[in-house]
Amino acid sequence: MNVMDTLRERGFLKQTVYEDELYELLGRESVPFYIGFDPTADSLHVGHFMQLMTMRHMQNAGHKPIVLIGGGTAMVGDPSGRTDMRAMLTKETVAHHVECFKKQMARFIRFEGENAAIIVNNADWLLGLNYVDFLRDVGVHFSVNKMLTAECFKTRMERGLSFLEFNYMLMQAYDFLVLHRKYGCSLELGGDDQWSNILAGADLIRRKEQKPAYAMTTALLTTSEGKKMGKTQKGAVWLDENKTTPYEFYQYWRNTADEDVEKCLKLLTFLPLDEIAALTAHRDERMNAAKERLAFELTKMVHGEEKAEKARREAIGAFSGNADTMPEVTLSKTCETVLQALVETGLAKSNGEARRLIEQGGVSIGETKITEFSAPLPAGGFILHKGKKVHLKVTRS
């Protein structure tokens, strides 16, 4: 099957240019393609899932992934989807983030064998550019009037758009040109919020090289209400287990809304479509089995089967009240009150949030509802409940 058919039927595809031409190319030969990743943190997160899965589908179909780390562009800051300017990173910070990304990406794509993926850093060619030469060579092909109609710029015009950020589209387009010349890359992929930037690169290659180049975007990972997925009260859902534990990761997907389960199974797993249809056929309590399958498959992909099995057992234990398989946390000796315990265990981000949880009646120890902020903790171990979905076995150090 042509990979575009696979991506389309699973709900990935959003926008393309020269679609018929690209379809024929992808069905005829192995195509080097690239996706860019902004190294602004030392871990990938759920927001990157769509691009990781797109690369996997493309590589499985015989195409060669080029992972572009934006070590150079990260020092400028992409204005897409932002209401303020991004912080600029040091070279050392970017290098550390790149190493972290490599380890996580290896769970999704192959860096050895046929069509092995490669990782490149655009700092290698952007940081040494002569600005005047760059403007004469690349800038001459860009219309300011046209750039200002791009969605990534329009949304920032009222709040203020720095000239630093205005250069971002040119730099990303130049990345595509460099990869085209060096690796024969003729396709850039990315989230649909990157459409203007990706299109600019394909257009630059066609203008300067007089050769075909293509752009294709995928849907953003959102709920049925249009909200971006991958956020919790604690912040982003990370792929690094030191930031988001395998249990927390599993529980995030286990709590997916019923109306989003089928879409997530199609986009984020490799389960056959007929199996997904069977799992999500009934919009009643039987949907829980589909949610458990979604949570297990994604946790296995990111953290391995052993940790996925452990997370599943802990989740079952938490909801069944079985303390033997419930997730466990050990409190420090200085932790004396329920308020402190909520913060130390991560069930609340701050004392203020912990107070609100207690005020709203959402905190219990065993069968006892907590109503006082200064309520002391039991002397021994106990089960701490936050609402109906979060349950921890707590021990004292």
Protein backbone atom coordinates (compact mmCIF):
# COMPACT_ATOMS: atom_id res chain seq x y z
CA MET A 1 0.00 0.00 0.00
CA ASN A 2 1.22 3.51 -0.77
CA VAL A 3 2.15 5.19 2.50
CA MET A 4 -0.14 8.13 1.69
CA ASP A 5 -3.07 5.69 1.68
CA THR A 6 -1.97 4.40 5.09
CA LEU A 7 -1.62 7.90 6.52
CA ARG A 8 -4.92 9.01 5.03
CA GLU A 9 -7.03 6.12 6.27
CA ARG A 10 -5.59 6.40 9.78
CA GLY A 11 -6.37 10.13 9.92
CA PHE A 12 -2.91 11.68 9.63
CA LEU A 13 -3.04 13.72 6.44
CA LYS A 14 -4.03 17.37 6.56
CA GLN A 15 -2.47 19.35 3.68
CA THR A 16 -0.21 18.57 0.70
CA VAL A 17 1.00 20.26 -2.48
CA TYR A 18 1.37 18.51 -5.85
CA GLU A 19 -0.49 15.64 -4.23
CA ASP A 20 -0.84 13.39 -7.29
CA GLU A 21 2.81 13.86 -8.17
CA LEU A 22 3.89 13.09 -4.59
CA TYR A 23 1.65 10.02 -4.43
CA GLU A 24 3.25 8.62 -7.57
CA LEU A 25 6.76 9.36 -6.25
CA LEU A 26 6.14 7.65 -2.89
CA GLY A 27 4.78 4.58 -4.68
CA ARG A 28 7.68 4.41 -7.09
CA GLU A 29 10.89 4.87 -5.08
CA SER A 30 12.44 5.39 -1.67
CA VAL A 31 12.12 9.07 -0.77
CA PRO A 32 14.38 10.85 1.76
CA PHE A 33 12.13 13.05 3.93
CA TYR A 34 12.65 15.18 6.99
CA ILE A 35 10.84 16.34 10.09
CA GLY A 36 12.18 19.04 12.39
CA PHE A 37 12.25 18.90 16.18
CA ASP A 38 12.78 21.92 18.38
CA PRO A 39 15.24 20.98 21.19
CA THR A 40 13.78 23.29 23.83
CA ALA A 41 13.59 20.54 26.49
CA ASP A 42 15.60 17.45 27.42
CA SER A 43 12.72 15.13 26.55
CA LEU A 44 10.13 14.65 23.86
CA HIS A 45 6.50 14.81 24.93
CA VAL A 46 3.08 13.64 23.76
CA GLY A 47 2.91 16.60 21.37
CA HIS A 48 5.69 14.96 19.35
CA PHE A 49 3.84 11.66 19.02
CA MET A 50 2.26 12.45 15.67
CA GLN A 51 5.62 13.19 14.06
CA LEU A 52 7.25 10.11 15.58
CA MET A 53 4.45 7.90 14.27
CA THR A 54 4.55 9.57 10.85
CA MET A 55 8.26 8.82 10.59
CA ARG A 56 7.64 5.21 11.58
CA HIS A 57 4.94 4.71 8.93
CA MET A 58 7.14 6.36 6.29
CA GLN A 59 10.17 4.25 7.20
CA ASN A 60 8.11 1.05 7.27
CA ALA A 61 7.03 1.89 3.70
CA GLY A 62 10.67 2.10 2.57
CA HIS A 63 11.36 5.82 2.89
CA LYS A 64 14.38 7.34 4.64
CA PRO A 65 13.82 9.57 7.71
CA ILE A 66 16.04 12.57 8.33
CA VAL A 67 15.55 13.88 11.86
CA LEU A 68 16.47 17.54 11.89
CA ILE A 69 17.26 18.96 15.30
CA GLY A 70 16.78 22.72 15.31
CA GLY A 71 19.94 23.61 17.20
CA GLY A 72 20.30 26.73 15.08
CA THR A 73 16.66 27.75 14.75
CA ALA A 74 16.11 27.15 18.49
CA MET A 75 18.40 30.12 19.07
CA VAL A 76 15.92 32.26 17.14
CA GLY A 77 12.57 30.82 18.24
CA ASP A 78 9.63 29.69 16.12
CA PRO A 79 6.67 32.08 16.49
CA SER A 80 4.15 29.42 15.36
CA GLY A 81 1.44 28.94 17.96
CA ARG A 82 3.10 31.36 20.35
CA THR A 83 1.90 34.55 21.98
CA ASP A 84 5.35 35.50 23.23
CA MET A 85 8.98 35.08 22.20
CA ARG A 86 10.72 31.80 23.01
CA ALA A 87 13.75 31.76 25.29
CA MET A 88 17.05 31.41 23.40
CA LEU A 89 19.17 28.38 24.29
CA THR A 90 22.93 27.91 24.65
CA LYS A 91 24.85 25.52 22.39
CA GLU A 92 25.64 23.29 25.36
CA THR A 93 21.98 22.99 26.34
CA VAL A 94 20.96 22.11 22.79
CA ALA A 95 23.70 19.43 22.55
CA HIS A 96 22.42 17.78 25.75
CA HIS A 97 18.83 17.83 24.51
CA VAL A 98 19.87 16.24 21.21
CA GLU A 99 21.42 13.27 23.02
CA CYS A 100 18.23 12.79 25.05
CA PHE A 101 16.09 12.89 21.89
CA LYS A 102 18.18 10.23 20.15
CA LYS A 103 17.55 7.67 22.88
CA GLN A 104 13.79 8.26 22.86
CA MET A 105 13.45 8.28 19.07
CA ALA A 106 15.21 4.92 18.83
CA ARG A 107 12.03 3.34 20.21
CA PHE A 108 10.11 4.56 17.17
CA ILE A 109 12.47 4.52 14.18
CA ARG A 110 15.51 2.52 13.09
CA PHE A 111 18.96 4.10 13.01
CA GLU A 112 20.54 0.98 11.48
CA GLY A 113 19.87 -1.25 8.50
CA GLU A 114 17.93 -0.47 5.35
CA ASN A 115 16.56 3.09 5.12
CA ALA A 116 18.27 3.88 8.42
CA ALA A 117 17.30 7.22 9.89
CA ILE A 118 19.92 9.90 10.39
CA ILE A 119 20.00 12.86 12.77
CA VAL A 120 21.32 16.23 11.67
CA ASN A 121 21.57 19.55 13.50
CA ASN A 122 20.88 22.73 11.57
CA ALA A 123 23.35 24.57 13.79
CA ASP A 124 26.01 22.96 11.58
CA TRP A 125 25.07 25.19 8.64
CA LEU A 126 23.08 28.06 10.17
CA LEU A 127 25.53 29.32 12.80
CA GLY A 128 28.29 29.99 10.27
CA LEU A 129 26.15 31.83 7.72
CA ASN A 130 27.22 35.19 6.37
CA TYR A 131 24.08 37.26 6.84
CA VAL A 132 24.49 39.44 3.75
CA ASP A 133 25.20 36.42 1.56
CA PHE A 134 22.17 34.64 3.07
CA LEU A 135 19.89 37.58 2.27
CA ARG A 136 21.17 37.78 -1.30
CA ASP A 137 20.97 34.01 -1.85
CA VAL A 138 17.75 33.15 0.02
CA GLY A 139 15.99 36.33 1.12
CA VAL A 140 15.58 37.55 -2.45
CA HIS A 141 13.06 34.73 -3.08
CA PHE A 142 10.69 35.79 -0.28
CA SER A 143 7.91 38.35 -0.51
CA VAL A 144 7.31 40.21 2.75
CA ASN A 145 3.69 40.82 1.74
CA LYS A 146 3.15 37.09 1.26
CA MET A 147 4.97 36.20 4.50
CA LEU A 148 2.70 38.50 6.50
CA THR A 149 -0.34 36.52 5.33
CA ALA A 150 1.08 33.33 6.90
CA GLU A 151 -0.91 32.17 9.93
CA CYS A 152 2.23 31.86 12.08
CA PHE A 153 2.87 35.58 11.66
CA LYS A 154 -0.71 36.90 11.57
CA THR A 155 -1.48 35.61 15.06
CA ARG A 156 1.50 37.49 16.47
CA MET A 157 1.11 40.85 14.75
CA GLU A 158 -1.07 42.43 17.44
CA ARG A 159 1.16 41.41 20.33
CA GLY A 160 4.36 42.18 18.48
CA LEU A 161 6.61 40.13 16.23
CA SER A 162 10.36 40.60 16.54
CA PHE A 163 12.56 40.78 13.44
CA LEU A 164 14.52 37.91 14.98
CA GLU A 165 11.45 35.67 14.69
CA PHE A 166 10.57 37.05 11.27
CA ASN A 167 13.72 35.32 10.00
CA TYR A 168 12.48 31.92 11.15
CA MET A 169 10.59 31.07 7.95
CA LEU A 170 13.67 31.82 5.83
CA MET A 171 15.87 29.68 8.05
CA GLN A 172 13.50 26.69 7.99
CA ALA A 173 13.19 27.00 4.21
CA TYR A 174 16.98 27.08 3.98
CA ASP A 175 17.15 23.87 6.06
CA PHE A 176 15.06 22.11 3.40
CA LEU A 177 17.33 23.44 0.66
CA VAL A 178 20.47 22.23 2.46
CA LEU A 179 18.99 18.77 3.04
CA HIS A 180 17.87 18.61 -0.58
CA ARG A 181 21.39 19.37 -1.81
CA LYS A 182 23.17 17.12 0.70
CA TYR A 183 20.85 14.10 0.98
CA GLY A 184 18.44 14.40 -1.95
CA CYS A 185 15.62 15.19 0.49
CA SER A 186 12.51 16.14 -1.47
CA LEU A 187 9.77 16.04 1.18
CA GLU A 188 9.25 17.89 4.45
CA LEU A 189 6.63 16.71 6.93
CA GLY A 190 5.31 18.34 10.08
CA GLY A 191 2.29 19.36 12.10
CA ASP A 192 -0.33 21.45 10.37
CA ASP A 193 0.68 24.53 12.38
CA GLN A 194 3.94 24.41 10.36
CA TRP A 195 2.24 24.57 6.95
CA SER A 196 3.49 28.05 5.99
CA ASN A 197 7.10 27.26 6.93
CA ILE A 198 7.10 23.89 5.18
CA LEU A 199 5.52 25.30 2.05
CA ALA A 200 8.16 28.05 1.95
CA GLY A 201 10.93 25.44 1.85
CA ALA A 202 9.38 23.46 -0.99
CA ASP A 203 8.85 26.68 -2.93
CA LEU A 204 12.47 27.78 -2.35
CA ILE A 205 13.84 24.51 -3.79
CA ARG A 206 11.61 24.74 -6.85
CA ARG A 207 12.72 28.34 -7.44
CA LYS A 208 16.45 27.91 -6.86
CA GLU A 209 17.08 24.33 -8.00
CA GLN A 210 14.33 23.97 -10.58
CA LYS A 211 13.61 20.54 -9.08
CA PRO A 212 10.50 19.03 -7.49
CA ALA A 213 10.02 19.38 -3.73
CA TYR A 214 6.97 18.57 -1.65
CA ALA A 215 5.23 19.59 1.56
CA MET A 216 2.85 17.48 3.64
CA THR A 217 1.35 18.18 7.05
CA THR A 218 -0.40 15.98 9.58
CA ALA A 219 -3.27 16.75 11.89
CA LEU A 220 -2.42 18.01 15.36
CA LEU A 221 -3.15 15.69 18.27
CA THR A 222 -6.27 17.22 19.77
CA THR A 223 -9.35 16.11 21.65
CA SER A 224 -12.80 16.11 20.08
CA GLU A 225 -13.22 19.55 21.68
CA GLY A 226 -10.21 20.88 19.79
CA LYS A 227 -7.85 21.08 22.78
CA LYS A 228 -4.26 19.88 22.42
CA MET A 229 -3.62 16.52 24.05
CA GLY A 230 -0.65 15.89 26.30
CA LYS A 231 -1.30 18.25 29.19
CA THR A 232 -2.18 17.43 32.79
CA GLN A 233 -2.39 19.46 36.00
CA LYS A 234 1.31 18.68 36.50
CA GLY A 235 2.16 19.97 33.00
CA ALA A 236 3.25 18.17 29.83
CA VAL A 237 3.11 14.38 29.50
CA TRP A 238 6.77 13.56 28.84
CA LEU A 239 8.39 10.47 27.33
CA ASP A 240 11.16 10.63 29.96
CA GLU A 241 10.11 8.45 32.90
CA ASN A 242 11.90 10.81 35.30
CA LYS A 243 9.46 13.55 34.26
CA THR A 244 6.34 11.43 33.75
CA THR A 245 6.45 7.98 35.33
CA PRO A 246 5.29 4.96 33.28
CA TYR A 247 2.30 4.69 35.63
CA GLU A 248 1.35 8.35 35.09
CA PHE A 249 1.87 7.91 31.36
CA TYR A 250 -0.36 4.81 31.34
CA GLN A 251 -3.04 6.55 33.41
CA TYR A 252 -3.08 9.56 31.09
CA TRP A 253 -4.11 7.37 28.15
CA ARG A 254 -6.35 5.16 30.30
CA ASN A 255 -8.37 8.29 31.08
CA THR A 256 -8.86 9.26 27.43
CA ALA A 257 -12.40 10.47 26.73
CA ASP A 258 -14.63 7.86 25.05
CA GLU A 259 -15.04 9.98 21.90
CA ASP A 260 -11.25 10.24 21.42
CA VAL A 261 -10.26 6.59 21.88
CA GLU A 262 -10.81 5.43 18.29
CA LYS A 263 -8.86 8.36 16.86
CA CYS A 264 -5.95 7.81 19.25
CA LEU A 265 -5.81 4.09 18.46
CA LYS A 266 -5.63 4.87 14.74
CA LEU A 267 -3.02 7.59 15.06
CA LEU A 268 -0.82 6.34 17.88
CA THR A 269 -0.79 2.55 17.58
CA PHE A 270 -0.18 0.05 14.81
CA LEU A 271 -3.25 -2.06 15.58
CA PRO A 272 -5.13 -3.09 12.41
CA LEU A 273 -8.10 -0.89 11.61
CA ASP A 274 -10.59 -3.76 11.83
CA GLU A 275 -9.35 -4.57 15.35
CA ILE A 276 -9.69 -0.91 16.34
CA ALA A 277 -13.23 -0.86 14.93
CA ALA A 278 -14.14 -3.92 17.01
CA LEU A 279 -12.59 -2.45 20.18
CA THR A 280 -14.50 0.83 19.83
CA ALA A 281 -17.79 -0.48 18.42
CA HIS A 282 -19.74 -0.07 21.67
CA ARG A 283 -20.02 3.33 23.36
CA ASP A 284 -20.64 1.94 26.84
CA GLU A 285 -18.60 0.34 29.62
CA ARG A 286 -16.98 -1.94 27.02
CA MET A 287 -14.99 1.12 25.88
CA ASN A 288 -12.83 0.62 28.98
CA ALA A 289 -11.15 -2.35 27.32
CA ALA A 290 -10.22 -0.12 24.37
CA LYS A 291 -8.80 2.50 26.74
CA GLU A 292 -6.72 -0.12 28.55
CA ARG A 293 -5.41 -1.39 25.22
CA LEU A 294 -4.52 2.15 24.12
CA ALA A 295 -2.71 2.86 27.40
CA PHE A 296 -0.82 -0.43 27.30
CA GLU A 297 0.26 -0.15 23.65
CA LEU A 298 1.58 3.40 24.06
CA THR A 299 3.32 2.69 27.37
CA LYS A 300 4.96 -0.39 25.84
CA MET A 301 6.17 1.63 22.86
CA VAL A 302 7.71 4.35 25.02
CA HIS A 303 8.87 2.46 28.11
CA GLY A 304 9.02 -1.20 27.10
CA GLU A 305 6.74 -4.14 27.77
CA GLU A 306 7.93 -4.85 31.32
CA LYS A 307 7.17 -1.33 32.56
CA ALA A 308 3.90 -1.29 30.65
CA GLU A 309 2.81 -4.50 32.39
CA LYS A 310 3.81 -3.05 35.77
CA ALA A 311 1.84 0.14 35.07
CA ARG A 312 -1.19 -1.93 34.08
CA ARG A 313 -0.99 -3.99 37.28
CA GLU A 314 -0.65 -0.83 39.36
CA ALA A 315 -3.65 0.73 37.65
CA ILE A 316 -5.76 -2.37 38.28
CA GLY A 317 -4.56 -2.41 41.89
CA ALA A 318 -5.37 1.26 42.40
CA PHE A 319 -8.91 0.94 41.10
CA SER A 320 -9.60 -2.37 42.81
CA GLY A 321 -8.16 -1.21 46.12
CA ASN A 322 -5.50 -3.91 46.03
CA ALA A 323 -2.59 -2.31 47.91
CA ASP A 324 -0.18 -5.05 46.79
CA THR A 325 -0.21 -3.82 43.18
CA MET A 326 -0.98 -0.15 43.79
CA PRO A 327 1.68 2.48 42.87
CA GLU A 328 3.79 3.26 45.95
CA VAL A 329 5.45 6.45 47.20
CA THR A 330 7.71 6.92 50.24
CA LEU A 331 7.40 10.23 52.06
CA SER A 332 10.29 12.08 53.66
CA LYS A 333 10.61 12.26 57.45
CA THR A 334 9.74 15.97 57.42
CA CYS A 335 6.37 15.38 55.77
CA GLU A 336 3.80 15.57 58.57
CA THR A 337 0.45 16.75 57.15
CA VAL A 338 -1.89 15.71 54.36
CA LEU A 339 -1.28 19.08 52.70
CA GLN A 340 2.48 18.42 52.59
CA ALA A 341 1.90 14.85 51.38
CA LEU A 342 -0.19 16.00 48.42
CA VAL A 343 2.63 18.26 47.24
CA GLU A 344 5.47 15.82 47.96
CA THR A 345 3.78 12.96 46.11
CA GLY A 346 3.06 15.21 43.14
CA LEU A 347 -0.72 14.94 43.48
CA ALA A 348 -0.74 18.74 43.76
CA LYS A 349 1.70 21.20 42.23
CA SER A 350 1.52 23.65 45.13
CA ASN A 351 0.11 24.21 48.61
CA GLY A 352 -2.60 26.34 47.05
CA GLU A 353 -3.71 23.54 44.76
CA ALA A 354 -3.57 21.07 47.68
CA ARG A 355 -5.83 23.35 49.73
CA ARG A 356 -8.34 23.59 46.88
CA LEU A 357 -8.42 19.80 46.54
CA ILE A 358 -9.16 19.41 50.24
CA GLU A 359 -11.77 22.19 50.21
CA GLN A 360 -13.54 20.52 47.29
CA GLY A 361 -13.67 17.18 49.14
CA GLY A 362 -11.36 15.45 46.71
CA VAL A 363 -8.86 13.99 49.21
CA SER A 364 -9.24 10.89 51.36
CA ILE A 365 -6.98 8.66 53.43
CA GLY A 366 -8.41 5.18 53.35
CA GLU A 367 -12.15 5.67 53.83
CA THR A 368 -11.76 8.98 55.68
CA LYS A 369 -12.48 12.24 53.84
CA ILE A 370 -9.93 14.94 54.70
CA THR A 371 -11.44 18.32 55.60
CA GLU A 372 -8.60 20.06 57.50
CA PHE A 373 -5.45 21.45 55.85
CA SER A 374 -3.38 20.59 58.92
CA ALA A 375 -4.72 17.05 59.27
CA PRO A 376 -1.82 14.85 60.48
CA LEU A 377 -0.74 11.79 58.59
CA PRO A 378 -1.25 8.29 60.04
CA ALA A 379 1.77 6.85 61.82
CA GLY A 380 2.18 3.90 59.46
CA GLY A 381 1.47 3.27 55.79
CA PHE A 382 -1.83 4.33 54.23
CA ILE A 383 -3.73 4.73 50.95
CA LEU A 384 -4.02 8.33 49.70
CA HIS A 385 -6.88 9.06 47.29
CA LYS A 386 -7.22 12.08 45.00
CA GLY A 387 -10.71 12.07 43.54
CA LYS A 388 -11.95 8.81 42.07
CA LYS A 389 -9.07 8.11 39.68
CA VAL A 390 -5.78 8.61 41.56
CA HIS A 391 -4.80 6.26 44.39
CA LEU A 392 -1.38 5.86 46.00
CA LYS A 393 0.04 3.49 48.56
CA VAL A 394 2.07 5.73 50.87
CA THR A 395 4.83 4.60 53.26
CA ARG A 396 6.90 6.62 55.72
CA SER A 397 10.70 6.73 55.59
